């Protein structure tokens, strides 16, 4: 596997680099040798965050973990990615047909039965055009963490969502 390791507000020491390659190297049993793993470590105040992204033919496997110790964050992120891979293997592989960057042994190995995704509720609501800032206010008034609306500027369906640190995000479609 090919690692791309970078740091924001942190120097990526040899110890951190070797810990990442050792821990995430355990994922080798799932992927082909040419699989790229992009790792970004960052520090904000007491928060030690690691983000791992693995592009796999048509999908992205991603995890972000935060703790007060970067080595703990590295351990957590490896566990989460491994759990995601085991849980979603069937769906990921079905979408890829021949499996993309996954090793043949991983694809052919029997898996535990997967829980079926069940949609238990459907909501219908009228969408009126509004600006993203107004949608954020509406979201706050409703006490939700996201809000779907029709953008008055673009006339497309958008989503605003709450982010950490009392900020907001906007999701726009890309065609």
N, C-alpha and C. Protein backbone atom coordinates (compact mmCIF):
# COMPACT_ATOMS: atom_id res chain seq x y z
N UNK A 1 0.84 -1.18 0.00
CA UNK A 1 0.00 0.00 0.00
C UNK A 1 0.88 1.23 0.00
N UNK A 2 0.38 2.28 -0.63
CA UNK A 2 1.14 3.52 -0.73
C UNK A 2 0.54 4.54 0.24
N UNK A 3 1.37 5.02 1.14
CA UNK A 3 0.91 5.98 2.13
C UNK A 3 1.30 7.40 1.73
N UNK A 4 0.37 8.34 1.87
CA UNK A 4 0.65 9.76 1.73
C UNK A 4 0.29 10.36 3.09
N UNK A 5 1.29 10.73 3.86
CA UNK A 5 1.07 11.21 5.23
C UNK A 5 1.45 12.68 5.32
N UNK A 6 0.52 13.50 5.82
CA UNK A 6 0.81 14.92 5.97
C UNK A 6 0.29 15.40 7.33
N UNK A 7 0.77 16.58 7.73
CA UNK A 7 0.37 17.13 9.02
C UNK A 7 -0.02 18.59 8.92
N UNK A 8 -1.02 18.98 9.70
CA UNK A 8 -1.43 20.38 9.83
C UNK A 8 -1.22 20.77 11.28
N UNK A 9 -0.44 21.77 11.53
CA UNK A 9 -0.11 22.22 12.89
C UNK A 9 0.58 21.12 13.70
N UNK A 10 1.22 20.19 13.01
CA UNK A 10 1.95 19.12 13.69
C UNK A 10 3.07 18.65 12.77
N UNK A 11 4.22 18.40 13.37
CA UNK A 11 5.32 17.84 12.60
C UNK A 11 5.15 16.33 12.60
N UNK A 12 5.12 15.75 11.41
CA UNK A 12 4.97 14.29 11.30
C UNK A 12 6.34 13.67 11.59
N UNK A 13 6.52 13.26 12.83
CA UNK A 13 7.80 12.68 13.25
C UNK A 13 7.92 11.26 12.70
N UNK A 14 9.13 10.72 12.78
CA UNK A 14 9.36 9.35 12.32
C UNK A 14 8.54 8.37 13.15
N UNK A 15 8.37 8.67 14.45
CA UNK A 15 7.57 7.81 15.32
C UNK A 15 6.11 7.77 14.89
N UNK A 16 5.55 8.95 14.59
CA UNK A 16 4.16 9.01 14.11
C UNK A 16 4.04 8.29 12.77
N UNK A 17 4.98 8.56 11.88
CA UNK A 17 4.94 7.95 10.54
C UNK A 17 4.98 6.42 10.65
N UNK A 18 5.87 5.90 11.49
CA UNK A 18 5.97 4.44 11.62
C UNK A 18 4.75 3.86 12.31
N UNK A 19 4.18 4.59 13.26
CA UNK A 19 2.96 4.12 13.92
C UNK A 19 1.81 4.02 12.93
N UNK A 20 1.68 5.03 12.05
CA UNK A 20 0.62 5.03 11.04
C UNK A 20 0.82 3.86 10.07
N UNK A 21 2.04 3.70 9.56
CA UNK A 21 2.28 2.64 8.58
C UNK A 21 2.14 1.25 9.22
N UNK A 22 2.52 1.14 10.49
CA UNK A 22 2.38 -0.16 11.18
C UNK A 22 0.90 -0.47 11.42
N UNK A 23 0.16 0.48 11.99
CA UNK A 23 -1.26 0.25 12.31
C UNK A 23 -2.08 0.07 11.05
N UNK A 24 -1.98 1.02 10.13
CA UNK A 24 -2.79 0.95 8.91
C UNK A 24 -2.26 -0.11 7.96
N UNK A 25 -1.02 -0.53 8.18
CA UNK A 25 -0.46 -1.63 7.39
C UNK A 25 -1.23 -2.92 7.61
N UNK A 26 -1.94 -3.03 8.74
CA UNK A 26 -2.77 -4.21 9.01
C UNK A 26 -3.89 -4.34 7.97
N UNK A 27 -4.23 -3.22 7.34
CA UNK A 27 -5.29 -3.24 6.33
C UNK A 27 -4.81 -3.87 5.02
N UNK A 28 -3.50 -4.18 4.97
CA UNK A 28 -2.90 -4.78 3.79
C UNK A 28 -3.63 -6.04 3.34
N UNK A 29 -4.19 -6.75 4.30
CA UNK A 29 -4.87 -8.01 3.96
C UNK A 29 -6.15 -7.79 3.18
N UNK A 30 -6.63 -6.54 3.12
CA UNK A 30 -7.86 -6.24 2.39
C UNK A 30 -7.59 -5.66 1.00
N UNK A 31 -6.45 -4.99 0.83
CA UNK A 31 -6.21 -4.21 -0.38
C UNK A 31 -5.03 -4.73 -1.19
N UNK A 32 -5.04 -4.36 -2.47
CA UNK A 32 -3.92 -4.68 -3.35
C UNK A 32 -2.76 -3.74 -3.02
N UNK A 33 -1.53 -4.11 -3.40
CA UNK A 33 -0.35 -3.29 -3.06
C UNK A 33 -0.39 -1.87 -3.64
N UNK A 34 -1.08 -1.64 -4.75
CA UNK A 34 -1.09 -0.30 -5.34
C UNK A 34 -2.14 0.63 -4.73
N UNK A 35 -2.88 0.16 -3.74
CA UNK A 35 -3.89 0.98 -3.08
C UNK A 35 -3.23 2.16 -2.36
N UNK A 36 -3.80 3.35 -2.55
CA UNK A 36 -3.26 4.56 -1.92
C UNK A 36 -4.04 4.87 -0.65
N UNK A 37 -3.33 5.19 0.42
CA UNK A 37 -3.96 5.57 1.68
C UNK A 37 -3.48 6.98 2.01
N UNK A 38 -4.43 7.91 2.09
CA UNK A 38 -4.10 9.31 2.36
C UNK A 38 -4.39 9.60 3.82
N UNK A 39 -3.38 10.02 4.55
CA UNK A 39 -3.49 10.26 5.98
C UNK A 39 -3.15 11.73 6.27
N UNK A 40 -4.03 12.39 6.99
CA UNK A 40 -3.77 13.77 7.41
C UNK A 40 -3.92 13.84 8.93
N UNK A 41 -2.86 14.28 9.60
CA UNK A 41 -2.91 14.46 11.05
C UNK A 41 -2.94 15.94 11.34
N UNK A 42 -3.73 16.32 12.35
CA UNK A 42 -3.79 17.74 12.70
C UNK A 42 -3.99 17.89 14.20
N UNK A 43 -3.61 19.07 14.68
CA UNK A 43 -3.75 19.39 16.10
C UNK A 43 -4.43 20.74 16.21
N UNK A 44 -5.51 20.78 17.00
CA UNK A 44 -6.20 22.03 17.32
C UNK A 44 -6.42 22.03 18.83
N UNK A 45 -5.79 22.92 19.52
CA UNK A 45 -5.83 22.97 20.99
C UNK A 45 -5.44 21.61 21.53
N UNK A 46 -6.32 20.94 22.27
CA UNK A 46 -6.00 19.63 22.85
C UNK A 46 -6.43 18.48 21.96
N UNK A 47 -7.00 18.78 20.79
CA UNK A 47 -7.56 17.74 19.93
C UNK A 47 -6.52 17.23 18.93
N UNK A 48 -6.25 15.95 18.99
CA UNK A 48 -5.31 15.30 18.08
C UNK A 48 -6.16 14.51 17.08
N UNK A 49 -6.22 14.97 15.84
CA UNK A 49 -7.12 14.38 14.86
C UNK A 49 -6.36 13.70 13.73
N UNK A 50 -6.88 12.55 13.30
CA UNK A 50 -6.32 11.86 12.14
C UNK A 50 -7.47 11.57 11.17
N UNK A 51 -7.23 11.87 9.90
CA UNK A 51 -8.21 11.59 8.85
C UNK A 51 -7.55 10.62 7.88
N UNK A 52 -8.25 9.54 7.57
CA UNK A 52 -7.73 8.55 6.63
C UNK A 52 -8.73 8.39 5.50
N UNK A 53 -8.25 8.51 4.27
CA UNK A 53 -9.09 8.36 3.08
C UNK A 53 -8.45 7.31 2.18
N UNK A 54 -9.29 6.36 1.75
CA UNK A 54 -8.81 5.31 0.85
C UNK A 54 -9.74 5.29 -0.37
N UNK A 55 -9.28 5.86 -1.50
CA UNK A 55 -10.10 5.80 -2.71
C UNK A 55 -10.09 4.37 -3.27
N UNK A 56 -11.28 3.83 -3.50
CA UNK A 56 -11.40 2.47 -4.03
C UNK A 56 -12.42 2.48 -5.16
N UNK A 57 -11.95 2.48 -6.38
CA UNK A 57 -12.77 2.41 -7.59
C UNK A 57 -14.24 2.74 -7.39
N UNK A 58 -14.57 4.00 -7.45
CA UNK A 58 -15.96 4.42 -7.36
C UNK A 58 -16.45 4.72 -5.95
N UNK A 59 -15.71 4.37 -4.94
CA UNK A 59 -16.08 4.63 -3.55
C UNK A 59 -14.92 5.27 -2.82
N UNK A 60 -15.23 5.81 -1.66
CA UNK A 60 -14.18 6.33 -0.78
C UNK A 60 -14.43 5.74 0.59
N UNK A 61 -13.42 5.12 1.14
CA UNK A 61 -13.50 4.63 2.51
C UNK A 61 -12.79 5.68 3.35
N UNK A 62 -13.49 6.19 4.37
CA UNK A 62 -12.94 7.32 5.11
C UNK A 62 -13.28 7.20 6.58
N UNK A 63 -12.35 7.63 7.41
CA UNK A 63 -12.62 7.73 8.84
C UNK A 63 -11.83 8.89 9.41
N UNK A 64 -12.40 9.52 10.40
CA UNK A 64 -11.77 10.64 11.09
C UNK A 64 -11.92 10.37 12.57
N UNK A 65 -10.83 10.41 13.31
CA UNK A 65 -10.89 10.14 14.74
C UNK A 65 -10.14 11.22 15.50
N UNK A 66 -10.68 11.58 16.66
CA UNK A 66 -10.11 12.64 17.49
C UNK A 66 -9.94 12.12 18.91
N UNK A 67 -8.80 12.43 19.51
CA UNK A 67 -8.59 12.13 20.93
C UNK A 67 -7.58 13.15 21.45
N UNK A 68 -7.14 12.98 22.69
CA UNK A 68 -6.13 13.90 23.21
C UNK A 68 -4.71 13.36 23.01
N UNK A 69 -4.59 12.22 22.31
CA UNK A 69 -3.29 11.62 22.03
C UNK A 69 -3.31 11.08 20.60
N UNK A 70 -2.37 11.50 19.77
CA UNK A 70 -2.36 11.10 18.37
C UNK A 70 -2.23 9.59 18.20
N UNK A 71 -1.49 8.93 19.07
CA UNK A 71 -1.33 7.49 18.96
C UNK A 71 -2.65 6.77 19.23
N UNK A 72 -3.45 7.30 20.15
CA UNK A 72 -4.78 6.74 20.41
C UNK A 72 -5.67 6.96 19.19
N UNK A 73 -5.60 8.14 18.60
CA UNK A 73 -6.38 8.44 17.39
C UNK A 73 -6.02 7.47 16.26
N UNK A 74 -4.73 7.17 16.12
CA UNK A 74 -4.28 6.24 15.08
C UNK A 74 -4.89 4.85 15.32
N UNK A 75 -4.86 4.39 16.57
CA UNK A 75 -5.46 3.09 16.90
C UNK A 75 -6.95 3.07 16.57
N UNK A 76 -7.65 4.13 16.97
CA UNK A 76 -9.09 4.21 16.74
C UNK A 76 -9.44 4.19 15.27
N UNK A 77 -8.71 4.95 14.46
CA UNK A 77 -9.03 5.06 13.04
C UNK A 77 -8.84 3.72 12.33
N UNK A 78 -7.84 2.97 12.73
CA UNK A 78 -7.62 1.65 12.10
C UNK A 78 -8.77 0.72 12.44
N UNK A 79 -9.21 0.72 13.70
CA UNK A 79 -10.32 -0.15 14.11
C UNK A 79 -11.60 0.19 13.37
N UNK A 80 -11.87 1.49 13.22
CA UNK A 80 -13.10 1.93 12.55
C UNK A 80 -13.09 1.52 11.08
N UNK A 81 -11.98 1.72 10.39
CA UNK A 81 -11.91 1.36 8.97
C UNK A 81 -12.07 -0.14 8.80
N UNK A 82 -11.43 -0.92 9.65
CA UNK A 82 -11.55 -2.37 9.55
C UNK A 82 -13.01 -2.81 9.77
N UNK A 83 -13.66 -2.20 10.74
CA UNK A 83 -15.07 -2.52 11.01
C UNK A 83 -15.94 -2.14 9.81
N UNK A 84 -15.68 -0.95 9.22
CA UNK A 84 -16.43 -0.53 8.03
C UNK A 84 -16.26 -1.53 6.90
N UNK A 85 -15.03 -1.96 6.68
CA UNK A 85 -14.75 -2.89 5.59
C UNK A 85 -15.50 -4.21 5.77
N UNK A 86 -15.47 -4.74 7.00
CA UNK A 86 -16.17 -6.00 7.25
C UNK A 86 -17.67 -5.83 7.10
N UNK A 87 -18.18 -4.72 7.61
CA UNK A 87 -19.63 -4.50 7.61
C UNK A 87 -20.17 -4.28 6.20
N UNK A 88 -19.47 -3.50 5.40
CA UNK A 88 -19.99 -3.11 4.10
C UNK A 88 -19.37 -3.86 2.93
N UNK A 89 -18.58 -4.89 3.23
CA UNK A 89 -17.87 -5.62 2.17
C UNK A 89 -18.79 -6.02 1.03
N UNK A 90 -19.91 -6.65 1.34
CA UNK A 90 -20.80 -7.13 0.28
C UNK A 90 -21.26 -6.01 -0.62
N UNK A 91 -21.68 -4.91 -0.04
CA UNK A 91 -22.16 -3.79 -0.84
C UNK A 91 -21.05 -3.17 -1.67
N UNK A 92 -19.90 -2.98 -1.05
CA UNK A 92 -18.77 -2.37 -1.77
C UNK A 92 -18.38 -3.26 -2.94
N UNK A 93 -18.22 -4.54 -2.69
CA UNK A 93 -17.78 -5.46 -3.74
C UNK A 93 -18.84 -5.59 -4.82
N UNK A 94 -20.13 -5.67 -4.46
CA UNK A 94 -21.19 -5.76 -5.46
C UNK A 94 -21.13 -4.58 -6.42
N UNK A 95 -20.88 -3.40 -5.90
CA UNK A 95 -20.80 -2.20 -6.75
C UNK A 95 -19.58 -2.25 -7.66
N UNK A 96 -18.51 -2.90 -7.22
CA UNK A 96 -17.26 -2.89 -7.97
C UNK A 96 -17.16 -4.02 -8.99
N UNK A 97 -18.12 -4.94 -9.02
CA UNK A 97 -18.08 -6.14 -9.85
C UNK A 97 -16.83 -6.98 -9.53
N UNK A 98 -15.70 -6.67 -10.14
CA UNK A 98 -14.52 -7.51 -9.93
C UNK A 98 -13.75 -7.14 -8.67
N UNK A 99 -14.17 -6.13 -7.93
CA UNK A 99 -13.56 -5.86 -6.64
C UNK A 99 -12.56 -4.72 -6.58
N UNK A 100 -12.17 -4.14 -7.72
CA UNK A 100 -11.29 -2.98 -7.70
C UNK A 100 -10.00 -3.22 -6.96
N UNK A 101 -9.71 -2.42 -5.93
CA UNK A 101 -8.46 -2.50 -5.18
C UNK A 101 -8.46 -3.55 -4.09
N UNK A 102 -9.55 -4.31 -3.95
CA UNK A 102 -9.61 -5.30 -2.89
C UNK A 102 -8.91 -6.59 -3.29
N UNK A 103 -8.26 -7.21 -2.32
CA UNK A 103 -7.61 -8.49 -2.56
C UNK A 103 -8.66 -9.57 -2.80
N UNK A 104 -8.33 -10.52 -3.64
CA UNK A 104 -9.23 -11.61 -4.00
C UNK A 104 -9.66 -12.39 -2.75
N UNK A 105 -8.72 -12.64 -1.82
CA UNK A 105 -9.03 -13.41 -0.61
C UNK A 105 -10.10 -12.72 0.23
N UNK A 106 -10.02 -11.40 0.31
CA UNK A 106 -10.99 -10.63 1.09
C UNK A 106 -12.37 -10.72 0.46
N UNK A 107 -12.44 -10.63 -0.85
CA UNK A 107 -13.71 -10.66 -1.57
C UNK A 107 -14.37 -12.03 -1.45
N UNK A 108 -13.56 -13.09 -1.56
CA UNK A 108 -14.12 -14.44 -1.58
C UNK A 108 -14.40 -15.00 -0.19
N UNK A 109 -13.83 -14.39 0.84
CA UNK A 109 -14.00 -14.87 2.21
C UNK A 109 -15.46 -14.73 2.64
N UNK A 110 -15.97 -15.73 3.35
CA UNK A 110 -17.34 -15.67 3.86
C UNK A 110 -17.45 -14.53 4.87
N UNK A 111 -18.60 -13.90 4.86
CA UNK A 111 -18.81 -12.79 5.79
C UNK A 111 -19.97 -13.08 6.70
N UNK A 112 -19.98 -12.38 7.81
CA UNK A 112 -21.10 -12.50 8.72
C UNK A 112 -22.31 -11.85 8.07
N UNK A 113 -23.51 -12.36 8.35
CA UNK A 113 -24.70 -11.77 7.72
C UNK A 113 -24.80 -10.29 8.08
N UNK A 114 -25.13 -9.50 7.10
CA UNK A 114 -25.18 -8.06 7.30
C UNK A 114 -26.60 -7.61 7.61
N UNK A 115 -26.71 -6.67 8.51
CA UNK A 115 -28.02 -6.10 8.81
C UNK A 115 -28.55 -5.39 7.58
N UNK A 116 -29.82 -5.58 7.34
CA UNK A 116 -30.44 -4.93 6.20
C UNK A 116 -30.72 -3.48 6.54
N UNK A 117 -30.49 -2.59 5.58
CA UNK A 117 -30.80 -1.18 5.79
C UNK A 117 -32.30 -1.03 5.66
N UNK A 118 -32.92 -0.49 6.68
CA UNK A 118 -34.37 -0.33 6.67
C UNK A 118 -34.72 1.14 6.80
N UNK A 119 -35.51 1.63 5.89
CA UNK A 119 -36.05 2.98 6.01
C UNK A 119 -37.37 2.84 6.74
N UNK A 120 -37.46 3.45 7.92
CA UNK A 120 -38.64 3.26 8.75
C UNK A 120 -39.61 4.44 8.72
N UNK A 121 -39.20 5.52 8.07
CA UNK A 121 -40.08 6.67 8.03
C UNK A 121 -39.78 7.51 6.80
N UNK A 122 -40.81 8.00 6.17
CA UNK A 122 -40.66 8.89 5.03
C UNK A 122 -41.39 10.18 5.36
N UNK A 123 -40.73 11.31 5.14
CA UNK A 123 -41.36 12.61 5.38
C UNK A 123 -41.56 13.33 4.06
N UNK A 124 -42.66 14.04 3.96
CA UNK A 124 -42.93 14.88 2.81
C UNK A 124 -43.09 16.31 3.32
N UNK A 125 -42.50 17.24 2.60
CA UNK A 125 -42.63 18.63 3.01
C UNK A 125 -42.47 19.53 1.80
N UNK A 126 -43.09 20.67 1.88
CA UNK A 126 -42.97 21.65 0.80
C UNK A 126 -41.64 22.35 0.87
N UNK A 127 -41.03 22.55 -0.28
CA UNK A 127 -39.74 23.26 -0.33
C UNK A 127 -40.00 24.62 -0.94
N UNK A 128 -39.66 25.65 -0.18
CA UNK A 128 -39.77 26.99 -0.76
C UNK A 128 -38.37 27.55 -0.94
N UNK A 129 -38.17 28.32 -1.99
CA UNK A 129 -36.83 28.88 -2.24
C UNK A 129 -36.39 29.81 -1.10
N UNK A 130 -35.14 29.66 -0.69
CA UNK A 130 -34.56 30.55 0.33
C UNK A 130 -33.05 30.57 0.15
N UNK A 131 -32.43 31.52 0.79
CA UNK A 131 -30.98 31.64 0.74
C UNK A 131 -30.37 30.74 1.81
N UNK A 132 -29.12 30.29 1.61
CA UNK A 132 -28.48 29.39 2.58
C UNK A 132 -28.47 29.93 4.02
N UNK A 133 -28.27 31.23 4.17
CA UNK A 133 -28.25 31.82 5.50
C UNK A 133 -29.61 31.68 6.18
N UNK A 134 -30.70 31.87 5.39
CA UNK A 134 -32.06 31.71 5.93
C UNK A 134 -32.31 30.25 6.29
N UNK A 135 -31.77 29.33 5.50
CA UNK A 135 -31.93 27.91 5.78
C UNK A 135 -31.24 27.54 7.09
N UNK A 136 -30.08 28.17 7.37
CA UNK A 136 -29.38 27.92 8.64
C UNK A 136 -30.23 28.39 9.82
N UNK A 137 -30.85 29.54 9.66
CA UNK A 137 -31.72 30.07 10.73
C UNK A 137 -32.90 29.13 10.94
N UNK A 138 -33.52 28.67 9.84
CA UNK A 138 -34.65 27.75 9.93
C UNK A 138 -34.23 26.44 10.60
N UNK A 139 -33.05 25.95 10.26
CA UNK A 139 -32.52 24.72 10.86
C UNK A 139 -32.39 24.89 12.38
N UNK A 140 -31.84 26.04 12.80
CA UNK A 140 -31.68 26.32 14.23
C UNK A 140 -33.03 26.40 14.93
N UNK A 141 -33.99 27.04 14.28
CA UNK A 141 -35.32 27.16 14.88
C UNK A 141 -35.98 25.79 15.07
N UNK A 142 -35.71 24.87 14.15
CA UNK A 142 -36.28 23.53 14.25
C UNK A 142 -35.49 22.63 15.19
N UNK A 143 -34.26 23.05 15.52
CA UNK A 143 -33.41 22.24 16.40
C UNK A 143 -32.82 21.03 15.70
N UNK A 144 -32.66 21.10 14.37
CA UNK A 144 -32.10 20.00 13.60
C UNK A 144 -30.61 20.22 13.35
N UNK A 145 -29.92 19.17 12.89
CA UNK A 145 -28.50 19.30 12.59
C UNK A 145 -28.27 19.48 11.09
N UNK A 146 -29.33 19.37 10.28
CA UNK A 146 -29.25 19.63 8.84
C UNK A 146 -30.61 20.13 8.36
N UNK A 147 -30.62 20.73 7.18
CA UNK A 147 -31.87 21.25 6.63
C UNK A 147 -31.80 21.23 5.11
N UNK A 148 -32.83 20.64 4.48
CA UNK A 148 -32.91 20.54 3.03
C UNK A 148 -33.77 21.70 2.53
N UNK A 149 -33.29 22.38 1.47
CA UNK A 149 -34.03 23.54 0.97
C UNK A 149 -33.73 23.76 -0.50
N UNK A 150 -34.54 24.58 -1.13
CA UNK A 150 -34.30 24.97 -2.52
C UNK A 150 -33.56 26.31 -2.48
N UNK A 151 -32.36 26.33 -3.04
CA UNK A 151 -31.53 27.53 -3.04
C UNK A 151 -32.14 28.58 -3.97
N UNK A 152 -32.46 29.75 -3.44
CA UNK A 152 -33.10 30.82 -4.22
C UNK A 152 -32.18 31.34 -5.32
N UNK A 153 -30.87 31.23 -5.14
CA UNK A 153 -29.93 31.72 -6.15
C UNK A 153 -29.77 30.75 -7.32
N UNK A 154 -29.70 29.45 -7.00
CA UNK A 154 -29.40 28.45 -8.03
C UNK A 154 -30.62 27.63 -8.45
N UNK A 155 -31.70 27.72 -7.67
CA UNK A 155 -32.92 26.94 -7.88
C UNK A 155 -32.68 25.44 -7.83
N UNK A 156 -31.66 25.02 -7.07
CA UNK A 156 -31.36 23.60 -6.89
C UNK A 156 -31.56 23.22 -5.43
N UNK A 157 -31.79 21.94 -5.20
CA UNK A 157 -31.93 21.44 -3.84
C UNK A 157 -30.56 21.42 -3.20
N UNK A 158 -30.43 22.01 -2.01
CA UNK A 158 -29.19 22.07 -1.25
C UNK A 158 -29.46 21.60 0.16
N UNK A 159 -28.38 21.36 0.90
CA UNK A 159 -28.48 20.99 2.30
C UNK A 159 -27.51 21.85 3.09
N UNK A 160 -27.97 22.42 4.19
CA UNK A 160 -27.07 23.07 5.13
C UNK A 160 -26.97 22.15 6.34
N UNK A 161 -25.81 22.16 7.00
CA UNK A 161 -25.64 21.29 8.16
C UNK A 161 -24.74 21.97 9.17
N UNK A 162 -24.91 21.56 10.44
CA UNK A 162 -24.08 22.08 11.53
C UNK A 162 -22.75 21.38 11.53
N UNK A 163 -21.69 22.16 11.74
CA UNK A 163 -20.35 21.63 11.88
C UNK A 163 -19.86 21.89 13.29
N UNK A 164 -18.75 21.28 13.63
CA UNK A 164 -18.15 21.54 14.94
C UNK A 164 -17.72 23.00 15.01
N UNK A 165 -17.74 23.57 16.20
CA UNK A 165 -17.27 24.94 16.38
C UNK A 165 -18.30 25.97 15.95
N UNK A 166 -19.58 25.63 16.03
CA UNK A 166 -20.67 26.56 15.68
C UNK A 166 -20.53 27.16 14.29
N UNK A 167 -20.14 26.33 13.33
CA UNK A 167 -20.08 26.77 11.94
C UNK A 167 -21.07 25.92 11.15
N UNK A 168 -21.27 26.28 9.89
CA UNK A 168 -22.22 25.58 9.05
C UNK A 168 -21.56 25.14 7.75
N UNK A 169 -22.12 24.12 7.15
CA UNK A 169 -21.67 23.64 5.86
C UNK A 169 -22.82 23.69 4.88
N UNK A 170 -22.51 23.76 3.60
CA UNK A 170 -23.51 23.80 2.54
C UNK A 170 -23.16 22.71 1.54
N UNK A 171 -24.14 21.86 1.21
CA UNK A 171 -23.93 20.81 0.21
C UNK A 171 -24.74 21.19 -1.03
N UNK A 172 -24.02 21.31 -2.15
CA UNK A 172 -24.65 21.65 -3.43
C UNK A 172 -24.44 20.49 -4.40
N UNK A 173 -25.43 20.23 -5.28
CA UNK A 173 -25.24 19.13 -6.24
C UNK A 173 -24.20 19.51 -7.29
N UNK A 174 -23.52 18.50 -7.80
CA UNK A 174 -22.54 18.71 -8.86
C UNK A 174 -22.92 17.78 -10.01
N UNK A 175 -23.11 18.35 -11.17
CA UNK A 175 -23.53 17.53 -12.30
C UNK A 175 -22.42 17.37 -13.31
